[in-house]
Amino acid sequence: MAERTLAEQLGGPVPEGIEALPEDRKRDLAEVLRQARHRQAQALGEAGEEGLRYVPALLRGAVRKAVGL
């Protein structure tokens, strides 16, 4: 799978200061951003699962489906 470019990850044009960086540094920054977003998504998923512990067991499946977990 092709990695997303920095502009794609930022959802718009790259700021001038970042655009001035050498290509290898921009690739490094894109990789660090990708890793951070992956960790964030993982942490959010874990938090969602942890929150389900407070939902009665019989309702967990329906709640999980409703919130997209």
N, C-alpha and C. Protein backbone atom coordinates (compact mmCIF):
# COMPACT_ATOMS: atom_id res chain seq x y z
N MET A 1 0.84 -1.17 0.00
CA MET A 1 0.00 0.00 0.00
C MET A 1 0.89 1.24 0.00
N ALA A 2 0.57 2.18 -0.84
CA ALA A 2 1.35 3.42 -0.92
C ALA A 2 1.07 4.29 0.31
N GLU A 3 2.11 4.88 0.83
CA GLU A 3 1.96 5.77 1.98
C GLU A 3 1.36 7.09 1.52
N ARG A 4 0.58 7.69 2.39
CA ARG A 4 -0.02 8.99 2.09
C ARG A 4 1.04 10.07 2.18
N THR A 5 0.95 11.05 1.28
CA THR A 5 1.89 12.16 1.32
C THR A 5 1.59 13.05 2.51
N LEU A 6 2.51 13.92 2.79
CA LEU A 6 2.35 14.85 3.90
C LEU A 6 1.13 15.74 3.68
N ALA A 7 0.95 16.24 2.45
CA ALA A 7 -0.21 17.10 2.15
C ALA A 7 -1.51 16.34 2.34
N GLU A 8 -1.55 15.07 1.96
CA GLU A 8 -2.76 14.26 2.15
C GLU A 8 -3.05 14.06 3.63
N GLN A 9 -2.01 13.83 4.41
CA GLN A 9 -2.20 13.64 5.84
C GLN A 9 -2.66 14.92 6.52
N LEU A 10 -2.16 16.07 6.06
CA LEU A 10 -2.55 17.34 6.65
C LEU A 10 -3.91 17.81 6.14
N GLY A 11 -4.36 17.23 5.05
CA GLY A 11 -5.66 17.59 4.50
C GLY A 11 -5.66 18.94 3.78
N GLY A 12 -4.54 19.34 3.29
CA GLY A 12 -4.45 20.62 2.58
C GLY A 12 -3.00 20.93 2.25
N PRO A 13 -2.75 22.16 1.86
CA PRO A 13 -1.38 22.53 1.47
C PRO A 13 -0.43 22.47 2.67
N VAL A 14 0.80 22.13 2.37
CA VAL A 14 1.84 22.06 3.39
C VAL A 14 2.31 23.49 3.69
N PRO A 15 2.42 23.87 4.97
CA PRO A 15 2.90 25.21 5.30
C PRO A 15 4.28 25.49 4.70
N GLU A 16 4.57 26.75 4.41
CA GLU A 16 5.83 27.14 3.76
C GLU A 16 7.06 26.62 4.48
N GLY A 17 7.07 26.75 5.80
CA GLY A 17 8.24 26.31 6.57
C GLY A 17 8.52 24.84 6.41
N ILE A 18 7.48 24.04 6.34
CA ILE A 18 7.65 22.60 6.16
C ILE A 18 7.99 22.30 4.71
N GLU A 19 7.39 23.02 3.79
CA GLU A 19 7.66 22.81 2.36
C GLU A 19 9.13 23.09 2.04
N ALA A 20 9.76 23.95 2.81
CA ALA A 20 11.16 24.30 2.58
C ALA A 20 12.12 23.21 3.03
N LEU A 21 11.63 22.25 3.79
CA LEU A 21 12.49 21.16 4.26
C LEU A 21 12.93 20.26 3.11
N PRO A 22 14.08 19.60 3.27
CA PRO A 22 14.51 18.63 2.25
C PRO A 22 13.50 17.47 2.17
N GLU A 23 13.43 16.82 1.03
CA GLU A 23 12.46 15.74 0.80
C GLU A 23 12.57 14.63 1.84
N ASP A 24 13.79 14.25 2.22
CA ASP A 24 13.92 13.16 3.19
C ASP A 24 13.34 13.56 4.55
N ARG A 25 13.46 14.82 4.92
CA ARG A 25 12.88 15.30 6.18
C ARG A 25 11.35 15.33 6.10
N LYS A 26 10.83 15.70 4.95
CA LYS A 26 9.36 15.69 4.78
C LYS A 26 8.83 14.27 4.83
N ARG A 27 9.58 13.31 4.27
CA ARG A 27 9.16 11.91 4.36
C ARG A 27 9.20 11.43 5.81
N ASP A 28 10.26 11.84 6.54
CA ASP A 28 10.35 11.48 7.95
C ASP A 28 9.16 12.05 8.73
N LEU A 29 8.83 13.31 8.47
CA LEU A 29 7.72 13.95 9.15
C LEU A 29 6.40 13.25 8.83
N ALA A 30 6.21 12.87 7.57
CA ALA A 30 5.00 12.15 7.17
C ALA A 30 4.91 10.81 7.90
N GLU A 31 6.03 10.13 8.05
CA GLU A 31 6.05 8.83 8.74
C GLU A 31 5.74 9.00 10.23
N VAL A 32 6.31 10.03 10.84
CA VAL A 32 6.05 10.28 12.26
C VAL A 32 4.58 10.62 12.47
N LEU A 33 4.01 11.41 11.57
CA LEU A 33 2.58 11.75 11.64
C LEU A 33 1.73 10.49 11.51
N ARG A 34 2.09 9.62 10.56
CA ARG A 34 1.34 8.37 10.37
C ARG A 34 1.38 7.51 11.63
N GLN A 35 2.57 7.40 12.23
CA GLN A 35 2.71 6.60 13.44
C GLN A 35 1.90 7.20 14.59
N ALA A 36 1.94 8.52 14.73
CA ALA A 36 1.19 9.18 15.81
C ALA A 36 -0.31 8.98 15.63
N ARG A 37 -0.79 9.07 14.41
CA ARG A 37 -2.22 8.86 14.17
C ARG A 37 -2.61 7.41 14.44
N HIS A 38 -1.72 6.49 14.13
CA HIS A 38 -1.99 5.08 14.40
C HIS A 38 -2.10 4.85 15.91
N ARG A 39 -1.14 5.42 16.67
CA ARG A 39 -1.18 5.29 18.13
C ARG A 39 -2.43 5.94 18.70
N GLN A 40 -2.82 7.08 18.14
CA GLN A 40 -4.01 7.77 18.62
C GLN A 40 -5.26 6.93 18.37
N ALA A 41 -5.37 6.35 17.18
CA ALA A 41 -6.52 5.51 16.86
C ALA A 41 -6.56 4.29 17.77
N GLN A 42 -5.41 3.72 18.03
CA GLN A 42 -5.35 2.56 18.92
C GLN A 42 -5.78 2.94 20.34
N ALA A 43 -5.32 4.08 20.83
CA ALA A 43 -5.68 4.53 22.18
C ALA A 43 -7.17 4.84 22.27
N LEU A 44 -7.74 5.43 21.22
CA LEU A 44 -9.17 5.72 21.22
C LEU A 44 -9.99 4.43 21.23
N GLY A 45 -9.54 3.45 20.47
CA GLY A 45 -10.23 2.15 20.46
C GLY A 45 -10.19 1.49 21.82
N GLU A 46 -9.02 1.54 22.46
CA GLU A 46 -8.89 0.95 23.79
C GLU A 46 -9.77 1.70 24.80
N ALA A 47 -9.83 3.02 24.69
CA ALA A 47 -10.66 3.80 25.60
C ALA A 47 -12.14 3.46 25.41
N GLY A 48 -12.54 3.27 24.16
CA GLY A 48 -13.92 2.89 23.88
C GLY A 48 -14.26 1.54 24.49
N GLU A 49 -13.35 0.59 24.34
CA GLU A 49 -13.57 -0.73 24.93
C GLU A 49 -13.61 -0.65 26.45
N GLU A 50 -12.73 0.16 27.01
CA GLU A 50 -12.71 0.34 28.47
C GLU A 50 -14.02 0.95 28.94
N GLY A 51 -14.55 1.90 28.19
CA GLY A 51 -15.81 2.54 28.55
C GLY A 51 -16.97 1.57 28.54
N LEU A 52 -16.89 0.55 27.70
CA LEU A 52 -17.96 -0.44 27.62
C LEU A 52 -18.07 -1.28 28.90
N ARG A 53 -17.03 -1.26 29.70
CA ARG A 53 -17.09 -2.02 30.96
C ARG A 53 -18.16 -1.46 31.88
N TYR A 54 -18.57 -0.22 31.67
CA TYR A 54 -19.58 0.41 32.52
C TYR A 54 -21.00 0.23 31.98
N VAL A 55 -21.10 -0.43 30.83
CA VAL A 55 -22.40 -0.71 30.21
C VAL A 55 -22.79 -2.13 30.62
N PRO A 56 -24.04 -2.34 31.00
CA PRO A 56 -24.48 -3.70 31.36
C PRO A 56 -24.16 -4.69 30.23
N ALA A 57 -23.73 -5.88 30.62
CA ALA A 57 -23.27 -6.89 29.67
C ALA A 57 -24.28 -7.17 28.55
N LEU A 58 -25.56 -7.21 28.87
CA LEU A 58 -26.57 -7.51 27.86
C LEU A 58 -26.68 -6.42 26.79
N LEU A 59 -26.27 -5.22 27.11
CA LEU A 59 -26.38 -4.10 26.16
C LEU A 59 -25.08 -3.82 25.40
N ARG A 60 -23.99 -4.43 25.78
CA ARG A 60 -22.70 -4.10 25.19
C ARG A 60 -22.65 -4.31 23.68
N GLY A 61 -23.23 -5.40 23.20
CA GLY A 61 -23.21 -5.64 21.75
C GLY A 61 -23.94 -4.55 20.99
N ALA A 62 -25.10 -4.16 21.47
CA ALA A 62 -25.87 -3.10 20.80
C ALA A 62 -25.15 -1.76 20.88
N VAL A 63 -24.59 -1.47 22.03
CA VAL A 63 -23.86 -0.20 22.18
C VAL A 63 -22.62 -0.19 21.30
N ARG A 64 -21.89 -1.31 21.28
CA ARG A 64 -20.69 -1.41 20.44
C ARG A 64 -21.07 -1.17 18.98
N LYS A 65 -22.15 -1.75 18.53
CA LYS A 65 -22.59 -1.57 17.15
C LYS A 65 -23.01 -0.12 16.89
N ALA A 66 -23.71 0.48 17.84
CA ALA A 66 -24.21 1.85 17.68
C ALA A 66 -23.08 2.86 17.60
N VAL A 67 -22.00 2.64 18.35
CA VAL A 67 -20.90 3.60 18.34
C VAL A 67 -19.78 3.22 17.38
N GLY A 68 -19.93 2.09 16.72
CA GLY A 68 -18.96 1.70 15.69
C GLY A 68 -17.67 1.07 16.20
N LEU A 69 -17.76 0.36 17.31
CA LEU A 69 -16.56 -0.32 17.83
C LEU A 69 -16.51 -1.76 17.38
